[in-house]
């Protein structure tokens, strides 16, 4: 099977910063996770509940990918029961401006009847 110029491996290694950013921020799930972590650290179940419609498997994959890209840290407590929380890194925190811009754009340009997002 031939791959197009725009396959993920090409984007990952592109010299274009926009294309490389799209490689990381490629889908709605990623943005919803970022939206939720911009305000505070959260556990897996908190994210699962907040990111409506995402499966546990998909959430696990997205969290692992974002950790590999140094967008978030996975923190495991030493207490019992063990608690895992996810926190944005400095690199991840810098994306809060992107999330805020998207929120502002949506509030300005998307119909008022659209579902309101409190996050």
C-alpha atoms as a PDB file:
ATOM      1  CA  UNK A   1       0.000   0.000   0.000  1.00  0.00           C
ATOM      2  CA  UNK A   2       1.380   3.401  -0.961  1.00  0.00           C
ATOM      3  CA  UNK A   3       1.399   6.166   1.607  1.00  0.00           C
ATOM      4  CA  UNK A   4       0.464   9.701   0.702  1.00  0.00           C
ATOM      5  CA  UNK A   5       2.753  12.645   1.345  1.00  0.00           C
ATOM      6  CA  UNK A   6       0.600  13.483   4.351  1.00  0.00           C
ATOM      7  CA  UNK A   7       0.883  10.224   6.267  1.00  0.00           C
ATOM      8  CA  UNK A   8       1.714  10.435   9.961  1.00  0.00           C
ATOM      9  CA  UNK A   9       5.379   9.449   9.644  1.00  0.00           C
ATOM     10  CA  UNK A  10       5.908  12.262   7.137  1.00  0.00           C
ATOM     11  CA  UNK A  11       4.248  14.750   9.481  1.00  0.00           C
ATOM     12  CA  UNK A  12       6.303  13.522  12.430  1.00  0.00           C
ATOM     13  CA  UNK A  13       9.547  14.253  10.584  1.00  0.00           C
ATOM     14  CA  UNK A  14       8.487  17.315   8.607  1.00  0.00           C
ATOM     15  CA  UNK A  15      10.583  20.487   8.660  1.00  0.00           C
ATOM     16  CA  UNK A  16       7.325  22.484   8.740  1.00  0.00           C
ATOM     17  CA  UNK A  17       6.357  23.448  12.308  1.00  0.00           C
ATOM     18  CA  UNK A  18       2.635  23.498  11.439  1.00  0.00           C
ATOM     19  CA  UNK A  19       2.785  19.980  10.036  1.00  0.00           C
ATOM     20  CA  UNK A  20       4.775  18.713  13.033  1.00  0.00           C
ATOM     21  CA  UNK A  21       2.273  20.325  15.398  1.00  0.00           C
ATOM     22  CA  UNK A  22      -0.583  18.655  13.516  1.00  0.00           C
ATOM     23  CA  UNK A  23       1.191  15.338  14.025  1.00  0.00           C
ATOM     24  CA  UNK A  24       0.905  15.814  17.800  1.00  0.00           C
ATOM     25  CA  UNK A  25      -2.466  17.578  17.989  1.00  0.00           C
ATOM     26  CA  UNK A  26      -4.121  15.421  15.372  1.00  0.00           C
ATOM     27  CA  UNK A  27      -7.601  14.815  16.699  1.00  0.00           C
ATOM     28  CA  UNK A  28     -10.484  15.923  18.865  1.00  0.00           C
ATOM     29  CA  UNK A  29      -9.566  13.531  21.699  1.00  0.00           C
ATOM     30  CA  UNK A  30      -6.166  15.159  22.124  1.00  0.00           C
ATOM     31  CA  UNK A  31      -7.701  18.622  22.362  1.00  0.00           C
ATOM     32  CA  UNK A  32     -10.333  17.478  24.847  1.00  0.00           C
ATOM     33  CA  UNK A  33      -7.651  15.913  27.068  1.00  0.00           C
ATOM     34  CA  UNK A  34      -5.596  19.110  26.867  1.00  0.00           C
ATOM     35  CA  UNK A  35      -8.688  21.193  27.656  1.00  0.00           C
ATOM     36  CA  UNK A  36      -9.239  19.197  30.831  1.00  0.00           C
ATOM     37  CA  UNK A  37      -5.617  19.174  31.969  1.00  0.00           C
ATOM     38  CA  UNK A  38      -5.139  22.927  31.415  1.00  0.00           C
ATOM     39  CA  UNK A  39      -6.948  23.649  34.670  1.00  0.00           C
ATOM     40  CA  UNK A  40      -5.711  20.836  36.919  1.00  0.00           C
ATOM     41  CA  UNK A  41      -4.145  17.383  37.127  1.00  0.00           C
ATOM     42  CA  UNK A  42      -6.629  14.573  36.686  1.00  0.00           C
ATOM     43  CA  UNK A  43      -6.812  10.847  37.051  1.00  0.00           C
ATOM     44  CA  UNK A  44      -7.737   8.404  34.303  1.00  0.00           C
ATOM     45  CA  UNK A  45     -11.335   7.994  35.479  1.00  0.00           C
ATOM     46  CA  UNK A  46     -11.810  11.756  35.787  1.00  0.00           C
ATOM     47  CA  UNK A  47     -10.620  12.186  32.206  1.00  0.00           C
ATOM     48  CA  UNK A  48     -12.756   9.285  30.998  1.00  0.00           C
ATOM     49  CA  UNK A  49     -15.835  10.894  32.519  1.00  0.00           C
ATOM     50  CA  UNK A  50     -14.999  14.368  31.214  1.00  0.00           C
ATOM     51  CA  UNK A  51     -14.006  13.436  27.647  1.00  0.00           C
ATOM     52  CA  UNK A  52     -17.434  12.333  26.520  1.00  0.00           C
ATOM     53  CA  UNK A  53     -17.498   9.372  24.144  1.00  0.00           C
ATOM     54  CA  UNK A  54     -13.874   8.263  24.415  1.00  0.00           C
ATOM     55  CA  UNK A  55     -13.237   4.582  25.065  1.00  0.00           C
ATOM     56  CA  UNK A  56     -10.836   3.480  27.798  1.00  0.00           C
ATOM     57  CA  UNK A  57      -8.525   2.011  25.180  1.00  0.00           C
ATOM     58  CA  UNK A  58      -8.438   5.218  23.130  1.00  0.00           C
ATOM     59  CA  UNK A  59      -7.860   7.335  26.245  1.00  0.00           C
ATOM     60  CA  UNK A  60      -4.961   5.069  27.253  1.00  0.00           C
ATOM     61  CA  UNK A  61      -3.428   5.377  23.778  1.00  0.00           C
ATOM     62  CA  UNK A  62      -3.770   9.166  23.724  1.00  0.00           C
ATOM     63  CA  UNK A  63      -2.312   9.570  27.214  1.00  0.00           C
ATOM     64  CA  UNK A  64       0.639   7.321  26.346  1.00  0.00           C
ATOM     65  CA  UNK A  65       1.276   9.245  23.118  1.00  0.00           C
ATOM     66  CA  UNK A  66       1.104  12.622  24.880  1.00  0.00           C
ATOM     67  CA  UNK A  67       3.509  11.335  27.515  1.00  0.00           C
ATOM     68  CA  UNK A  68       5.936  10.174  24.795  1.00  0.00           C
ATOM     69  CA  UNK A  69       5.721  13.640  23.215  1.00  0.00           C
ATOM     70  CA  UNK A  70       6.494  15.244  26.605  1.00  0.00           C
ATOM     71  CA  UNK A  71       3.126  17.024  26.655  1.00  0.00           C
ATOM     72  CA  UNK A  72       2.085  15.442  29.938  1.00  0.00           C
ATOM     73  CA  UNK A  73       3.583  13.566  32.858  1.00  0.00           C
ATOM     74  CA  UNK A  74       2.129  10.410  34.357  1.00  0.00           C
ATOM     75  CA  UNK A  75       2.461  10.541  38.138  1.00  0.00           C
ATOM     76  CA  UNK A  76       2.022   7.411  40.243  1.00  0.00           C
ATOM     77  CA  UNK A  77       1.427   7.869  43.960  1.00  0.00           C
ATOM     78  CA  UNK A  78       3.138   5.628  46.470  1.00  0.00           C
ATOM     79  CA  UNK A  79      -0.001   5.449  48.601  1.00  0.00           C
ATOM     80  CA  UNK A  80      -2.459   2.581  48.699  1.00  0.00           C
ATOM     81  CA  UNK A  81      -4.492   2.359  46.634  1.00  0.00           C
ATOM     82  CA  UNK A  82      -2.101   3.523  43.959  1.00  0.00           C
ATOM     83  CA  UNK A  83      -3.368   6.657  42.238  1.00  0.00           C
ATOM     84  CA  UNK A  84      -2.219   7.748  38.783  1.00  0.00           C
ATOM     85  CA  UNK A  85      -2.628  11.376  37.780  1.00  0.00           C
ATOM     86  CA  UNK A  86      -1.778  13.198  34.597  1.00  0.00           C
ATOM     87  CA  UNK A  87      -0.282  16.691  34.627  1.00  0.00           C
ATOM     88  CA  UNK A  88       0.772  18.952  31.785  1.00  0.00           C
ATOM     89  CA  UNK A  89       4.499  19.541  31.404  1.00  0.00           C
ATOM     90  CA  UNK A  90       5.823  23.019  30.621  1.00  0.00           C
ATOM     91  CA  UNK A  91       5.594  22.059  26.958  1.00  0.00           C
ATOM     92  CA  UNK A  92       1.996  20.969  27.507  1.00  0.00           C
ATOM     93  CA  UNK A  93       1.108  24.084  29.501  1.00  0.00           C
ATOM     94  CA  UNK A  94       2.254  26.206  26.583  1.00  0.00           C
ATOM     95  CA  UNK A  95      -0.639  24.679  24.589  1.00  0.00           C
ATOM     96  CA  UNK A  96      -3.183  26.276  26.919  1.00  0.00           C
ATOM     97  CA  UNK A  97      -2.977  29.390  24.720  1.00  0.00           C
ATOM     98  CA  UNK A  98      -4.034  27.252  21.738  1.00  0.00           C
ATOM     99  CA  UNK A  99      -6.951  25.782  23.709  1.00  0.00           C
ATOM    100  CA  UNK A 100      -7.974  29.265  24.911  1.00  0.00           C
ATOM    101  CA  UNK A 101      -7.811  30.615  21.356  1.00  0.00           C
ATOM    102  CA  UNK A 102     -10.008  27.776  20.133  1.00  0.00           C
ATOM    103  CA  UNK A 103     -12.504  28.435  22.944  1.00  0.00           C
ATOM    104  CA  UNK A 104     -12.594  32.163  22.142  1.00  0.00           C
ATOM    105  CA  UNK A 105     -12.965  31.531  18.423  1.00  0.00           C
ATOM    106  CA  UNK A 106     -15.794  29.084  19.060  1.00  0.00           C
ATOM    107  CA  UNK A 107     -17.579  31.505  21.376  1.00  0.00           C
ATOM    108  CA  UNK A 108     -17.328  34.227  18.745  1.00  0.00           C
ATOM    109  CA  UNK A 109     -18.063  32.300  15.561  1.00  0.00           C
ATOM    110  CA  UNK A 110     -20.004  29.155  16.408  1.00  0.00           C
ATOM    111  CA  UNK A 111     -23.773  29.387  16.738  1.00  0.00           C
ATOM    112  CA  UNK A 112     -24.937  30.208  20.246  1.00  0.00           C
ATOM    113  CA  UNK A 113     -27.125  27.110  20.146  1.00  0.00           C
ATOM    114  CA  UNK A 114     -24.028  24.891  20.138  1.00  0.00           C
ATOM    115  CA  UNK A 115     -23.341  22.923  23.315  1.00  0.00           C
ATOM    116  CA  UNK A 116     -21.612  25.164  25.858  1.00  0.00           C
ATOM    117  CA  UNK A 117     -18.266  24.026  27.231  1.00  0.00           C
ATOM    118  CA  UNK A 118     -17.516  25.054  30.796  1.00  0.00           C
ATOM    119  CA  UNK A 119     -13.893  23.859  30.652  1.00  0.00           C
END
